[in-house]
Amino acid sequence: TLSLTENNEYDSLIYPMLLRMLYGCGLRINEALTLHKIDIDLENGVLTINKAKNNITRLVPMSETLTKYCRNYVRKMAFDMKTEGYFYPAPDTQTYKSSSILNDFRRILLKAGIISSGSVNPRIHDLRHTFAVHSLEKMVSQGQDIYSALPMLQTYMGHRDIISTEQYL
C-alpha cells in the first residue's frame, strides 16, 4: 500500500490515479492538479483542460481503460462529480502544490526500487515526453502518416506550434 504522508488517507488512491492520468493523457502536472471534478466527463471519457499554458482550453479524450479507472477512483473517493472541488484534493481540500508532488514522485520511485539514492532522477514531466513518443509510435504503427499525426499530437498536447511537439519527441 502506498503511504506517503500521515495527513492524507487518500494518497493510496490519488497518486496512482494522478500518475496514470499524467502518462495516459500527456498532461502537464499543473493541468492535472487544477482539474476540477466538473472538468471530467466520465460518461464520454473526456477532460476539459481550462486555460492551461498559452491560455488554451482544450478537450482531452481518455482511453477506455483510463476512463474506467477514473470511475473507480470517483467511487472510492465518494465524489459527487456535479459539485465543485478538485479531482485531486489535498488534505486541506485545496490543490496540491506541484513541488510536493515532485518530491513524492521521487519517494515513490525510491520506494519501488526504480531509482537509488543519489541517482539521476526521472522528472514527473518525463511522463509527458513518454506519452508523446508512445502516442506518435502508436499512430504510425496503425498506418497514420507521420506528417498528419504530428499536428494531431500538437493539438492534443496544447502546443502552439509543431516545433514544441517535436521537442518532446
C-alpha atoms as a PDB file:
ATOM      1  CA  THR A   1       0.000   0.000   0.000  1.00  0.00           C
ATOM      2  CA  LEU A   2       1.231   3.457  -0.896  1.00  0.00           C
ATOM      3  CA  SER A   3       1.599   5.700   2.113  1.00  0.00           C
ATOM      4  CA  LEU A   4       3.497   8.950   1.646  1.00  0.00           C
ATOM      5  CA  THR A   5       2.102  11.198   4.309  1.00  0.00           C
ATOM      6  CA  GLU A   6       0.273  10.723   7.546  1.00  0.00           C
ATOM      7  CA  ASN A   7      -2.087  13.623   6.917  1.00  0.00           C
ATOM      8  CA  ASN A   8      -3.775  12.269   3.801  1.00  0.00           C
ATOM      9  CA  GLU A   9      -5.507   8.924   3.993  1.00  0.00           C
ATOM     10  CA  TYR A  10      -6.269   9.147   0.268  1.00  0.00           C
ATOM     11  CA  ASP A  11      -2.650   9.036  -1.003  1.00  0.00           C
ATOM     12  CA  SER A  12      -3.080   5.400  -1.997  1.00  0.00           C
ATOM     13  CA  LEU A  13      -5.945   6.438  -4.299  1.00  0.00           C
ATOM     14  CA  ILE A  14      -4.787   9.860  -5.502  1.00  0.00           C
ATOM     15  CA  TYR A  15      -1.225   9.085  -6.576  1.00  0.00           C
ATOM     16  CA  PRO A  16      -1.980   6.021  -8.735  1.00  0.00           C
ATOM     17  CA  MET A  17      -4.796   7.955 -10.423  1.00  0.00           C
ATOM     18  CA  LEU A  18      -2.660  11.058 -10.922  1.00  0.00           C
ATOM     19  CA  LEU A  19       0.314   9.177 -12.387  1.00  0.00           C
ATOM     20  CA  ARG A  20      -1.939   7.199 -14.730  1.00  0.00           C
ATOM     21  CA  MET A  21      -3.600  10.392 -15.938  1.00  0.00           C
ATOM     22  CA  LEU A  22      -0.278  12.190 -16.455  1.00  0.00           C
ATOM     23  CA  TYR A  23       1.054   9.347 -18.575  1.00  0.00           C
ATOM     24  CA  GLY A  24      -2.235   8.332 -20.217  1.00  0.00           C
ATOM     25  CA  CYS A  25      -3.213  11.861 -21.287  1.00  0.00           C
ATOM     26  CA  GLY A  26       0.149  13.596 -21.527  1.00  0.00           C
ATOM     27  CA  LEU A  27      -0.922  16.349 -19.156  1.00  0.00           C
ATOM     28  CA  ARG A  28       1.335  18.917 -17.580  1.00  0.00           C
ATOM     29  CA  ILE A  29       1.449  18.481 -13.796  1.00  0.00           C
ATOM     30  CA  ASN A  30      -0.398  21.741 -13.138  1.00  0.00           C
ATOM     31  CA  GLU A  31      -3.080  20.857 -15.681  1.00  0.00           C
ATOM     32  CA  ALA A  32      -3.814  17.681 -13.734  1.00  0.00           C
ATOM     33  CA  LEU A  33      -3.605  19.284 -10.286  1.00  0.00           C
ATOM     34  CA  THR A  34      -6.035  22.072 -11.184  1.00  0.00           C
ATOM     35  CA  LEU A  35      -8.643  19.737 -12.667  1.00  0.00           C
ATOM     36  CA  HIS A  36     -11.995  20.185 -11.005  1.00  0.00           C
ATOM     37  CA  LYS A  37     -14.485  17.359 -10.759  1.00  0.00           C
ATOM     38  CA  ILE A  38     -16.803  19.213 -13.153  1.00  0.00           C
ATOM     39  CA  ASP A  39     -13.998  19.226 -15.771  1.00  0.00           C
ATOM     40  CA  ILE A  40     -14.209  15.461 -16.115  1.00  0.00           C
ATOM     41  CA  ASP A  41     -16.856  13.831 -18.275  1.00  0.00           C
ATOM     42  CA  LEU A  42     -16.841  10.212 -17.137  1.00  0.00           C
ATOM     43  CA  GLU A  43     -19.645   9.230 -19.486  1.00  0.00           C
ATOM     44  CA  ASN A  44     -17.682  10.180 -22.610  1.00  0.00           C
ATOM     45  CA  GLY A  45     -14.169   9.890 -21.170  1.00  0.00           C
ATOM     46  CA  VAL A  46     -13.147  13.493 -21.848  1.00  0.00           C
ATOM     47  CA  LEU A  47     -11.221  16.008 -19.746  1.00  0.00           C
ATOM     48  CA  THR A  48     -11.645  19.740 -20.179  1.00  0.00           C
ATOM     49  CA  ILE A  49      -8.334  21.460 -19.613  1.00  0.00           C
ATOM     50  CA  ASN A  50      -9.212  25.073 -18.885  1.00  0.00           C
ATOM     51  CA  LYS A  51      -6.873  27.896 -19.813  1.00  0.00           C
ATOM     52  CA  ALA A  52      -3.646  25.996 -19.420  1.00  0.00           C
ATOM     53  CA  LYS A  53      -0.305  27.103 -20.822  1.00  0.00           C
ATOM     54  CA  ASN A  54      -0.710  29.601 -23.678  1.00  0.00           C
ATOM     55  CA  ASN A  55      -4.205  30.325 -22.265  1.00  0.00           C
ATOM     56  CA  ILE A  56      -5.617  27.439 -24.311  1.00  0.00           C
ATOM     57  CA  THR A  57      -8.679  25.461 -23.281  1.00  0.00           C
ATOM     58  CA  ARG A  58      -8.791  22.027 -24.857  1.00  0.00           C
ATOM     59  CA  LEU A  59     -10.672  18.748 -24.699  1.00  0.00           C
ATOM     60  CA  VAL A  60      -8.561  15.684 -23.942  1.00  0.00           C
ATOM     61  CA  PRO A  61     -10.072  12.259 -24.604  1.00  0.00           C
ATOM     62  CA  MET A  62      -9.053   9.413 -22.316  1.00  0.00           C
ATOM     63  CA  SER A  63      -8.670   5.756 -23.201  1.00  0.00           C
ATOM     64  CA  GLU A  64     -11.469   3.409 -22.165  1.00  0.00           C
ATOM     65  CA  THR A  65      -9.251   1.801 -19.533  1.00  0.00           C
ATOM     66  CA  LEU A  66      -8.276   5.149 -18.032  1.00  0.00           C
ATOM     67  CA  THR A  67     -11.918   6.264 -18.019  1.00  0.00           C
ATOM     68  CA  LYS A  68     -12.861   3.065 -16.212  1.00  0.00           C
ATOM     69  CA  TYR A  69     -10.052   3.631 -13.684  1.00  0.00           C
ATOM     70  CA  CYS A  70     -11.336   7.206 -13.163  1.00  0.00           C
ATOM     71  CA  ARG A  71     -14.842   5.921 -12.474  1.00  0.00           C
ATOM     72  CA  ASN A  72     -13.458   3.513  -9.893  1.00  0.00           C
ATOM     73  CA  TYR A  73     -11.396   6.323  -8.316  1.00  0.00           C
ATOM     74  CA  VAL A  74     -14.510   8.534  -8.123  1.00  0.00           C
ATOM     75  CA  ARG A  75     -16.437   5.734  -6.433  1.00  0.00           C
ATOM     76  CA  LYS A  76     -13.683   5.075  -3.880  1.00  0.00           C
ATOM     77  CA  MET A  77     -13.246   8.810  -3.183  1.00  0.00           C
ATOM     78  CA  ALA A  78     -17.065   9.095  -2.786  1.00  0.00           C
ATOM     79  CA  PHE A  79     -17.117  12.124  -5.093  1.00  0.00           C
ATOM     80  CA  ASP A  80     -20.223  13.901  -6.243  1.00  0.00           C
ATOM     81  CA  MET A  81     -18.979  14.869  -9.698  1.00  0.00           C
ATOM     82  CA  LYS A  82     -21.561  17.632 -10.053  1.00  0.00           C
ATOM     83  CA  THR A  83     -20.130  19.660  -7.179  1.00  0.00           C
ATOM     84  CA  GLU A  84     -17.157  21.990  -7.059  1.00  0.00           C
ATOM     85  CA  GLY A  85     -13.836  20.732  -5.821  1.00  0.00           C
ATOM     86  CA  TYR A  86     -10.566  19.422  -7.089  1.00  0.00           C
ATOM     87  CA  PHE A  87     -10.276  15.990  -8.652  1.00  0.00           C
ATOM     88  CA  TYR A  88      -7.018  15.587  -6.709  1.00  0.00           C
ATOM     89  CA  PRO A  89      -7.856  17.251  -3.391  1.00  0.00           C
ATOM     90  CA  ALA A  90      -5.007  17.982  -0.996  1.00  0.00           C
ATOM     91  CA  PRO A  91      -5.643  17.308   2.692  1.00  0.00           C
ATOM     92  CA  ASP A  92      -6.855  20.917   3.095  1.00  0.00           C
ATOM     93  CA  THR A  93      -9.277  20.313   0.139  1.00  0.00           C
ATOM     94  CA  GLN A  94      -7.315  22.790  -1.986  1.00  0.00           C
ATOM     95  CA  THR A  95      -4.974  21.820  -4.801  1.00  0.00           C
ATOM     96  CA  TYR A  96      -1.667  20.086  -4.252  1.00  0.00           C
ATOM     97  CA  LYS A  97       1.462  22.125  -4.895  1.00  0.00           C
ATOM     98  CA  SER A  98       3.442  20.735  -7.815  1.00  0.00           C
ATOM     99  CA  SER A  99       6.613  20.831  -5.706  1.00  0.00           C
ATOM    100  CA  SER A 100       5.116  18.414  -3.166  1.00  0.00           C
ATOM    101  CA  ILE A 101       4.043  16.074  -5.979  1.00  0.00           C
ATOM    102  CA  LEU A 102       7.555  16.188  -7.440  1.00  0.00           C
ATOM    103  CA  ASN A 103       9.057  15.280  -4.051  1.00  0.00           C
ATOM    104  CA  ASP A 104       6.526  12.491  -3.561  1.00  0.00           C
ATOM    105  CA  PHE A 105       7.230  11.189  -7.089  1.00  0.00           C
ATOM    106  CA  ARG A 106      10.873  10.781  -6.119  1.00  0.00           C
ATOM    107  CA  ARG A 107       9.874   8.970  -2.911  1.00  0.00           C
ATOM    108  CA  ILE A 108       7.590   6.654  -4.901  1.00  0.00           C
ATOM    109  CA  LEU A 109      10.428   5.811  -7.309  1.00  0.00           C
ATOM    110  CA  LEU A 110      12.809   5.173  -4.395  1.00  0.00           C
ATOM    111  CA  LYS A 111      10.263   3.035  -2.542  1.00  0.00           C
ATOM    112  CA  ALA A 112       9.589   0.999  -5.700  1.00  0.00           C
ATOM    113  CA  GLY A 113      13.317   0.451  -6.260  1.00  0.00           C
ATOM    114  CA  ILE A 114      13.240   2.236  -9.627  1.00  0.00           C
ATOM    115  CA  ILE A 115      15.922   4.729  -8.596  1.00  0.00           C
ATOM    116  CA  SER A 116      18.540   4.722  -5.905  1.00  0.00           C
ATOM    117  CA  SER A 117      19.549   7.499  -3.583  1.00  0.00           C
ATOM    118  CA  GLY A 118      21.825   9.962  -5.377  1.00  0.00           C
ATOM    119  CA  SER A 119      20.894   8.770  -8.882  1.00  0.00           C
ATOM    120  CA  VAL A 120      19.805  10.967 -11.758  1.00  0.00           C
ATOM    121  CA  ASN A 121      16.067  11.161 -11.361  1.00  0.00           C
ATOM    122  CA  PRO A 122      13.342  10.906 -13.929  1.00  0.00           C
ATOM    123  CA  ARG A 123      11.194  14.019 -13.717  1.00  0.00           C
ATOM    124  CA  ILE A 124       7.430  13.836 -13.474  1.00  0.00           C
ATOM    125  CA  HIS A 125       7.353  15.893 -16.694  1.00  0.00           C
ATOM    126  CA  ASP A 126       9.108  12.956 -18.392  1.00  0.00           C
ATOM    127  CA  LEU A 127       5.733  11.174 -18.310  1.00  0.00           C
ATOM    128  CA  ARG A 128       4.510  13.824 -20.789  1.00  0.00           C
ATOM    129  CA  HIS A 129       7.520  13.190 -23.043  1.00  0.00           C
ATOM    130  CA  THR A 130       6.909   9.439 -22.853  1.00  0.00           C
ATOM    131  CA  PHE A 131       3.243   9.982 -23.713  1.00  0.00           C
ATOM    132  CA  ALA A 132       4.237  11.990 -26.811  1.00  0.00           C
ATOM    133  CA  VAL A 133       6.674   9.347 -28.068  1.00  0.00           C
ATOM    134  CA  HIS A 134       4.316   6.433 -27.399  1.00  0.00           C
ATOM    135  CA  SER A 135       1.360   8.235 -28.987  1.00  0.00           C
ATOM    136  CA  LEU A 136       3.274   9.014 -32.168  1.00  0.00           C
ATOM    137  CA  GLU A 137       4.617   5.445 -32.327  1.00  0.00           C
ATOM    138  CA  LYS A 138       1.086   4.093 -31.970  1.00  0.00           C
ATOM    139  CA  MET A 139      -0.356   6.368 -34.665  1.00  0.00           C
ATOM    140  CA  VAL A 140       2.410   5.454 -37.119  1.00  0.00           C
ATOM    141  CA  SER A 141       2.131   1.722 -36.353  1.00  0.00           C
ATOM    142  CA  GLN A 142      -1.596   1.975 -37.098  1.00  0.00           C
ATOM    143  CA  GLY A 143      -0.822   3.364 -40.549  1.00  0.00           C
ATOM    144  CA  GLN A 144      -1.149   7.090 -39.839  1.00  0.00           C
ATOM    145  CA  ASP A 145       1.155   9.252 -41.918  1.00  0.00           C
ATOM    146  CA  ILE A 146       3.678  10.911 -39.587  1.00  0.00           C
ATOM    147  CA  TYR A 147       3.089  14.324 -41.188  1.00  0.00           C
ATOM    148  CA  SER A 148      -0.615  14.191 -40.364  1.00  0.00           C
ATOM    149  CA  ALA A 149      -0.027  12.565 -36.967  1.00  0.00           C
ATOM    150  CA  LEU A 150       2.227  15.355 -35.689  1.00  0.00           C
ATOM    151  CA  PRO A 151      -0.392  18.149 -35.979  1.00  0.00           C
ATOM    152  CA  MET A 152      -2.940  15.946 -34.205  1.00  0.00           C
ATOM    153  CA  LEU A 153      -0.472  15.303 -31.388  1.00  0.00           C
ATOM    154  CA  GLN A 154       0.329  19.030 -31.268  1.00  0.00           C
ATOM    155  CA  THR A 155      -3.341  19.905 -30.792  1.00  0.00           C
ATOM    156  CA  TYR A 156      -3.912  17.156 -28.233  1.00  0.00           C
ATOM    157  CA  MET A 157      -0.949  18.339 -26.154  1.00  0.00           C
ATOM    158  CA  GLY A 158      -1.945  22.006 -26.359  1.00  0.00           C
ATOM    159  CA  HIS A 159       1.131  23.241 -28.205  1.00  0.00           C
ATOM    160  CA  ARG A 160       1.106  26.433 -30.267  1.00  0.00           C
ATOM    161  CA  ASP A 161       3.386  25.051 -32.937  1.00  0.00           C
ATOM    162  CA  ILE A 162       4.749  21.797 -34.254  1.00  0.00           C
ATOM    163  CA  ILE A 163       8.277  22.655 -33.091  1.00  0.00           C
ATOM    164  CA  SER A 164       7.144  22.436 -29.445  1.00  0.00           C
ATOM    165  CA  THR A 165       5.746  18.974 -30.099  1.00  0.00           C
ATOM    166  CA  GLU A 166       8.901  17.865 -31.899  1.00  0.00           C
ATOM    167  CA  GLN A 167      10.962  18.854 -28.854  1.00  0.00           C
ATOM    168  CA  TYR A 168       9.028  16.265 -26.847  1.00  0.00           C
ATOM    169  CA  LEU A 169       9.975  13.573 -29.317  1.00  0.00           C
END
